[in-house]
Protein backbone atom coordinates (compact mmCIF):
# COMPACT_ATOMS: atom_id res chain seq x y z
CA UNK A 1 -0.02 0.01 0.02
CA UNK A 2 1.40 3.30 -0.99
CA UNK A 3 1.74 5.75 1.95
CA UNK A 4 1.55 9.49 1.85
CA UNK A 5 4.46 11.15 3.71
CA UNK A 6 4.98 14.84 4.34
CA UNK A 7 8.66 16.01 4.67
CA UNK A 8 9.64 19.46 5.63
CA UNK A 9 12.99 20.75 4.48
CA UNK A 10 12.58 18.47 1.43
CA UNK A 11 14.52 20.77 -0.98
CA UNK A 12 17.92 20.07 0.38
CA UNK A 13 20.15 18.08 2.65
CA UNK A 14 18.65 15.30 4.75
CA UNK A 15 15.08 16.13 3.77
CA UNK A 16 15.91 15.96 0.12
CA UNK A 17 17.69 12.61 0.42
CA UNK A 18 14.84 11.14 2.49
CA UNK A 19 12.26 12.28 -0.08
CA UNK A 20 14.41 10.71 -2.86
CA UNK A 21 14.59 7.31 -1.12
CA UNK A 22 10.92 7.23 -0.39
CA UNK A 23 9.89 8.13 -3.88
CA UNK A 24 12.20 5.43 -5.28
CA UNK A 25 10.35 2.96 -3.08
CA UNK A 26 7.03 4.11 -4.56
CA UNK A 27 5.73 6.22 -1.73
CA UNK A 28 3.81 9.56 -2.19
CA UNK A 29 5.93 12.36 -0.83
CA UNK A 30 4.75 15.92 -0.21
CA UNK A 31 7.67 18.24 0.27
CA UNK A 32 7.46 21.39 2.23
CA UNK A 33 10.21 24.03 1.83
CA UNK A 34 10.71 27.68 0.72
CA UNK A 35 10.64 26.68 -2.88
CA UNK A 36 11.17 23.85 -5.36
CA UNK A 37 8.77 21.25 -3.77
CA UNK A 38 5.10 20.55 -3.60
CA UNK A 39 4.34 23.06 -0.83
CA UNK A 40 6.05 26.46 -0.64
CA UNK A 41 5.95 27.52 3.05
CA UNK A 42 7.85 29.73 5.36
CA UNK A 43 8.14 27.81 8.68
CA UNK A 44 9.69 30.84 10.40
CA UNK A 45 6.22 32.38 10.97
CA UNK A 46 3.02 31.06 12.62
CA UNK A 47 1.00 31.93 9.54
CA UNK A 48 3.47 30.15 7.24
CA UNK A 49 3.43 26.98 9.43
CA UNK A 50 -0.40 26.84 9.50
CA UNK A 51 -0.66 27.49 5.75
CA UNK A 52 1.92 24.94 4.83
CA UNK A 53 0.27 22.34 7.05
CA UNK A 54 -3.19 23.08 5.56
CA UNK A 55 -1.76 22.80 2.00
CA UNK A 56 0.06 19.56 2.73
CA UNK A 57 -3.07 18.08 4.19
CA UNK A 58 -5.19 19.15 1.19
CA UNK A 59 -2.65 17.61 -1.22
CA UNK A 60 -2.82 14.35 0.83
CA UNK A 61 -6.55 14.19 0.55
CA UNK A 62 -7.08 14.84 4.33
CA UNK A 63 -5.09 11.92 5.65
CA UNK A 64 -1.34 11.76 6.19
CA UNK A 65 0.50 8.49 6.94
CA UNK A 66 3.69 10.06 8.30
CA UNK A 67 5.48 13.25 8.80
CA UNK A 68 9.20 13.82 8.89
CA UNK A 69 10.32 17.24 10.05
CA UNK A 70 13.71 18.02 8.67
CA UNK A 71 13.49 21.84 8.02
CA UNK A 72 16.16 23.55 10.10
CA UNK A 73 18.89 26.17 10.22
CA UNK A 74 22.36 26.28 11.94
CA UNK A 75 23.05 30.07 11.59
CA UNK A 76 23.66 31.87 14.90
CA UNK A 77 20.55 34.05 14.20
CA UNK A 78 17.16 34.45 15.77
CA UNK A 79 15.48 32.99 12.70
CA UNK A 80 17.14 29.63 13.74
CA UNK A 81 14.97 29.67 16.90
CA UNK A 82 11.82 30.26 14.90
CA UNK A 83 12.45 27.52 12.37
CA UNK A 84 14.19 24.84 14.46
CA UNK A 85 11.71 24.76 17.33
CA UNK A 86 8.38 26.39 16.42
CA UNK A 87 8.67 25.46 12.78
CA UNK A 88 8.82 21.89 13.85
CA UNK A 89 6.44 21.69 16.88
CA UNK A 90 3.67 23.95 15.43
CA UNK A 91 3.81 22.23 12.07
CA UNK A 92 3.54 18.84 13.65
CA UNK A 93 0.75 19.84 15.89
CA UNK A 94 -1.12 21.31 13.00
CA UNK A 95 -0.83 18.18 10.93
CA UNK A 96 -1.43 15.78 13.85
CA UNK A 97 -5.29 15.48 13.20
CA UNK A 98 -4.59 14.29 9.65
CA UNK A 99 -2.09 11.79 10.97
CA UNK A 100 -4.65 10.39 13.55
CA UNK A 101 -6.89 9.43 10.60
CA UNK A 102 -4.31 7.19 9.03
CA UNK A 103 -3.50 3.57 9.51
CA UNK A 104 -0.10 3.13 11.34
CA UNK A 105 0.57 6.88 11.50
CA UNK A 106 4.11 7.96 12.44
CA UNK A 107 6.11 11.15 13.02
CA UNK A 108 9.87 11.84 13.27
CA UNK A 109 12.10 14.92 13.33
CA UNK A 110 15.67 16.04 13.38
CA UNK A 111 17.38 16.91 16.65
CA UNK A 112 21.23 16.99 16.86
CA UNK A 113 24.08 15.87 18.96
CA UNK A 114 24.40 19.56 19.58
CA UNK A 115 21.58 19.09 22.05
CA UNK A 116 24.35 17.88 24.43
CA UNK A 117 26.36 21.13 24.00
CA UNK A 118 26.05 24.21 26.21
CA UNK A 119 22.69 26.00 25.97
CA UNK A 120 21.07 29.18 27.04
CA UNK A 121 18.63 27.91 29.73
CA UNK A 122 16.19 30.84 29.43
CA UNK A 123 15.94 30.28 25.78
CA UNK A 124 15.21 26.50 26.27
CA UNK A 125 12.58 27.47 28.93
CA UNK A 126 10.96 29.91 26.49
CA UNK A 127 10.82 27.24 23.77
CA UNK A 128 9.20 24.72 26.03
CA UNK A 129 6.71 27.32 27.31
CA UNK A 130 5.65 27.86 23.69
CA UNK A 131 6.46 31.56 24.10
CA UNK A 132 7.81 32.50 20.69
CA UNK A 133 8.01 36.26 21.35
CA UNK A 134 10.19 35.70 24.42
CA UNK A 135 12.29 33.07 22.61
CA UNK A 136 12.95 35.39 19.70
CA UNK A 137 13.85 38.26 22.06
CA UNK A 138 16.37 36.09 23.84
CA UNK A 139 17.83 34.83 20.59
CA UNK A 140 18.13 38.41 19.33
CA UNK A 141 20.13 39.32 22.42
CA UNK A 142 22.41 36.24 22.00
CA UNK A 143 22.93 37.24 18.41
CA UNK A 144 24.77 40.39 19.53
CA UNK A 145 27.68 38.30 20.86
CA UNK A 146 29.36 35.90 18.45
CA UNK A 147 30.33 33.36 21.15
CA UNK A 148 26.97 33.43 22.78
CA UNK A 149 25.02 33.12 19.53
CA UNK A 150 26.18 29.55 19.01
CA UNK A 151 23.77 28.63 21.88
CA UNK A 152 20.77 29.48 19.71
CA UNK A 153 21.23 26.29 17.71
CA UNK A 154 22.08 24.04 20.58
CA UNK A 155 19.24 25.41 22.67
CA UNK A 156 16.74 24.75 19.85
CA UNK A 157 17.90 21.20 19.54
CA UNK A 158 17.94 20.62 23.32
CA UNK A 159 14.38 21.86 23.46
CA UNK A 160 13.21 19.80 20.57
CA UNK A 161 14.51 16.62 22.20
CA UNK A 162 12.87 17.62 25.50
CA UNK A 163 9.57 18.43 23.63
CA UNK A 164 9.59 15.02 21.98
CA UNK A 165 10.00 13.28 25.35
CA UNK A 166 7.25 15.61 26.87
CA UNK A 167 4.57 15.03 24.27
CA UNK A 168 5.29 11.62 22.68
CA UNK A 169 3.65 9.63 25.65
CA UNK A 170 0.53 11.80 25.76
CA UNK A 171 -2.99 10.90 24.72
CA UNK A 172 -2.68 13.02 21.62
CA UNK A 173 0.33 11.24 20.35
CA UNK A 174 0.92 7.69 21.88
CA UNK A 175 -2.70 7.44 22.87
CA UNK A 176 -3.70 8.01 19.26
CA UNK A 177 -1.26 5.33 18.14
CA UNK A 178 1.29 7.83 16.66
CA UNK A 179 4.88 7.05 17.60
CA UNK A 180 6.84 10.35 17.80
CA UNK A 181 10.64 10.23 17.87
CA UNK A 182 13.79 12.27 16.93
CA UNK A 183 17.13 11.47 15.31
CA UNK A 184 20.29 13.32 16.43
CA UNK A 185 22.91 13.28 13.66
CA UNK A 186 26.62 14.02 14.05
CA UNK A 187 28.40 15.88 11.28
CA UNK A 188 26.42 15.32 8.11
CA UNK A 189 27.84 16.35 4.73
CA UNK A 190 25.21 18.61 3.30
CA UNK A 191 25.11 22.15 1.74
CA UNK A 192 24.63 23.40 5.37
CA UNK A 193 28.02 22.10 6.44
CA UNK A 194 29.96 22.37 3.13
CA UNK A 195 31.71 25.72 3.85
CA UNK A 196 32.76 24.71 7.32
CA UNK A 197 34.26 21.42 6.13
CA UNK A 198 35.96 22.86 3.14
CA UNK A 199 39.00 23.95 5.13
CA UNK A 200 41.34 21.89 7.28
CA UNK A 201 40.86 24.29 10.15
CA UNK A 202 37.06 24.25 10.01
CA UNK A 203 37.05 20.41 9.71
CA UNK A 204 39.37 20.17 12.66
CA UNK A 205 37.12 22.39 14.78
CA UNK A 206 34.08 20.36 13.92
CA UNK A 207 35.86 17.09 14.69
CA UNK A 208 36.97 18.40 18.05
CA UNK A 209 33.43 19.19 18.97
CA UNK A 210 31.83 16.24 17.37
CA UNK A 211 34.22 13.29 17.53
CA UNK A 212 33.01 10.44 15.23
CA UNK A 213 35.19 7.32 15.62
CA UNK A 214 32.88 5.26 13.36
CA UNK A 215 33.37 6.26 9.67
CA UNK A 216 33.85 9.94 10.43
CA UNK A 217 31.51 12.42 8.67
CA UNK A 218 28.25 10.91 7.46
CA UNK A 219 26.19 11.24 4.32
CA UNK A 220 22.52 12.30 4.58
CA UNK A 221 21.44 8.82 3.66
CA UNK A 222 22.64 7.51 7.05
CA UNK A 223 20.00 9.73 8.72
CA UNK A 224 17.44 9.31 5.93
CA UNK A 225 17.29 5.59 6.28
CA UNK A 226 16.84 5.80 10.07
CA UNK A 227 14.05 8.35 9.75
CA UNK A 228 12.37 6.07 7.23
CA UNK A 229 12.39 3.17 9.67
CA UNK A 230 11.09 5.41 12.39
CA UNK A 231 8.03 6.36 10.32
CA UNK A 232 7.50 2.83 8.98
CA UNK A 233 4.77 0.46 10.33
CA UNK A 234 7.63 -1.78 11.60
CA UNK A 235 8.33 0.80 14.31
CA UNK A 236 5.63 -0.16 16.83
CA UNK A 237 7.14 0.86 20.21
CA UNK A 238 9.82 3.60 19.92
CA UNK A 239 8.31 6.44 21.80
CA UNK A 240 9.82 9.83 22.68
CA UNK A 241 13.36 8.76 21.84
CA UNK A 242 16.16 10.82 20.43
CA UNK A 243 18.37 8.31 18.68
CA UNK A 244 21.96 9.42 18.23
CA UNK A 245 23.12 8.37 14.78
CA UNK A 246 26.43 10.17 15.03
CA UNK A 247 29.41 7.93 14.44
CA UNK A 248 29.84 7.38 18.17
CA UNK A 249 30.01 11.15 19.22
CA UNK A 250 27.40 10.65 21.98
CA UNK A 251 29.29 7.75 23.52
CA UNK A 252 32.66 9.62 23.34
CA UNK A 253 31.29 12.72 24.88
CA UNK A 254 28.93 11.27 27.58
CA UNK A 255 30.87 8.02 28.28
CA UNK A 256 29.42 4.71 29.37
CA UNK A 257 27.28 5.80 32.42
CA UNK A 258 24.37 8.06 31.53
CA UNK A 259 22.05 6.63 34.19
CA UNK A 260 23.43 7.04 37.67
CA UNK A 261 22.93 10.75 37.92
CA UNK A 262 19.19 10.07 38.21
CA UNK A 263 19.06 7.02 40.37
CA UNK A 264 17.93 8.75 43.55
CA UNK A 265 14.99 10.39 41.69
CA UNK A 266 14.01 7.14 40.02
CA UNK A 267 14.05 5.26 43.36
CA UNK A 268 11.83 7.93 44.81
CA UNK A 269 9.46 7.58 41.85
CA UNK A 270 9.28 3.74 42.08
CA UNK A 271 8.59 4.01 45.87
CA UNK A 272 5.85 6.49 45.09
CA UNK A 273 4.24 4.23 42.50
CA UNK A 274 4.66 1.15 44.75
CA UNK A 275 2.86 2.99 47.62
CA UNK A 276 0.08 4.11 45.28
CA UNK A 277 -0.55 0.57 44.13
CA UNK A 278 -0.72 -0.75 47.67
CA UNK A 279 -3.18 1.95 48.64
CA UNK A 280 -5.33 1.10 45.73
């Protein structure tokens, strides 16, 4: 059965590669981007997000089998905050009712291993509060300092991964049978990274921040194929995950123990649940 899949950021990079693979497999792909695809939409504005979602739903005939949100920017500018967080979350929420009508609906989006890098906590808080005006104001302040501005991107990706964990188990997503997950790439060779990787100095800087012991820099197909599995009917139980497909960067940077920091809180939670069961 042919499935209808909406992909944002489908005109370049990971989104374009994902769309190509899916089309080659016979799926119907509705691309969303500024130009060059089925739906021309500006995901940096609330109106643009809503209009793009409405147009994609109309082209799909009212029912969408899956959504892959790839549209994103890496520039140390306030527009990155608009596109990377609100351009993903608001678009996905707008298209969710059309997903809920489908058989085996799925949704996936792009985070980044940058979600582990230093962030601007007030910006992350504004993202998660859904306060775009405050988020943009904070990003505009960060923009004034070249070093601080790098936190706009990492903050948007940290917030996206937290949003996925926050909403994926809810009635609107998991309760409606819609797995929602994210993929966190390492250094992907795309037009977005081409200039930075073109020089030895730039490449060395990237490798220092994103160590990739397995096969070094990755092609967009490495992420595309994982996204495609996440939105396939075969994915029945991945829920709220950010899967690091990054050549080992996550394991190098965070080491082997990513659990013990939260053991005390988890014990308290289990004790609370056990007491609640006994009382009932």
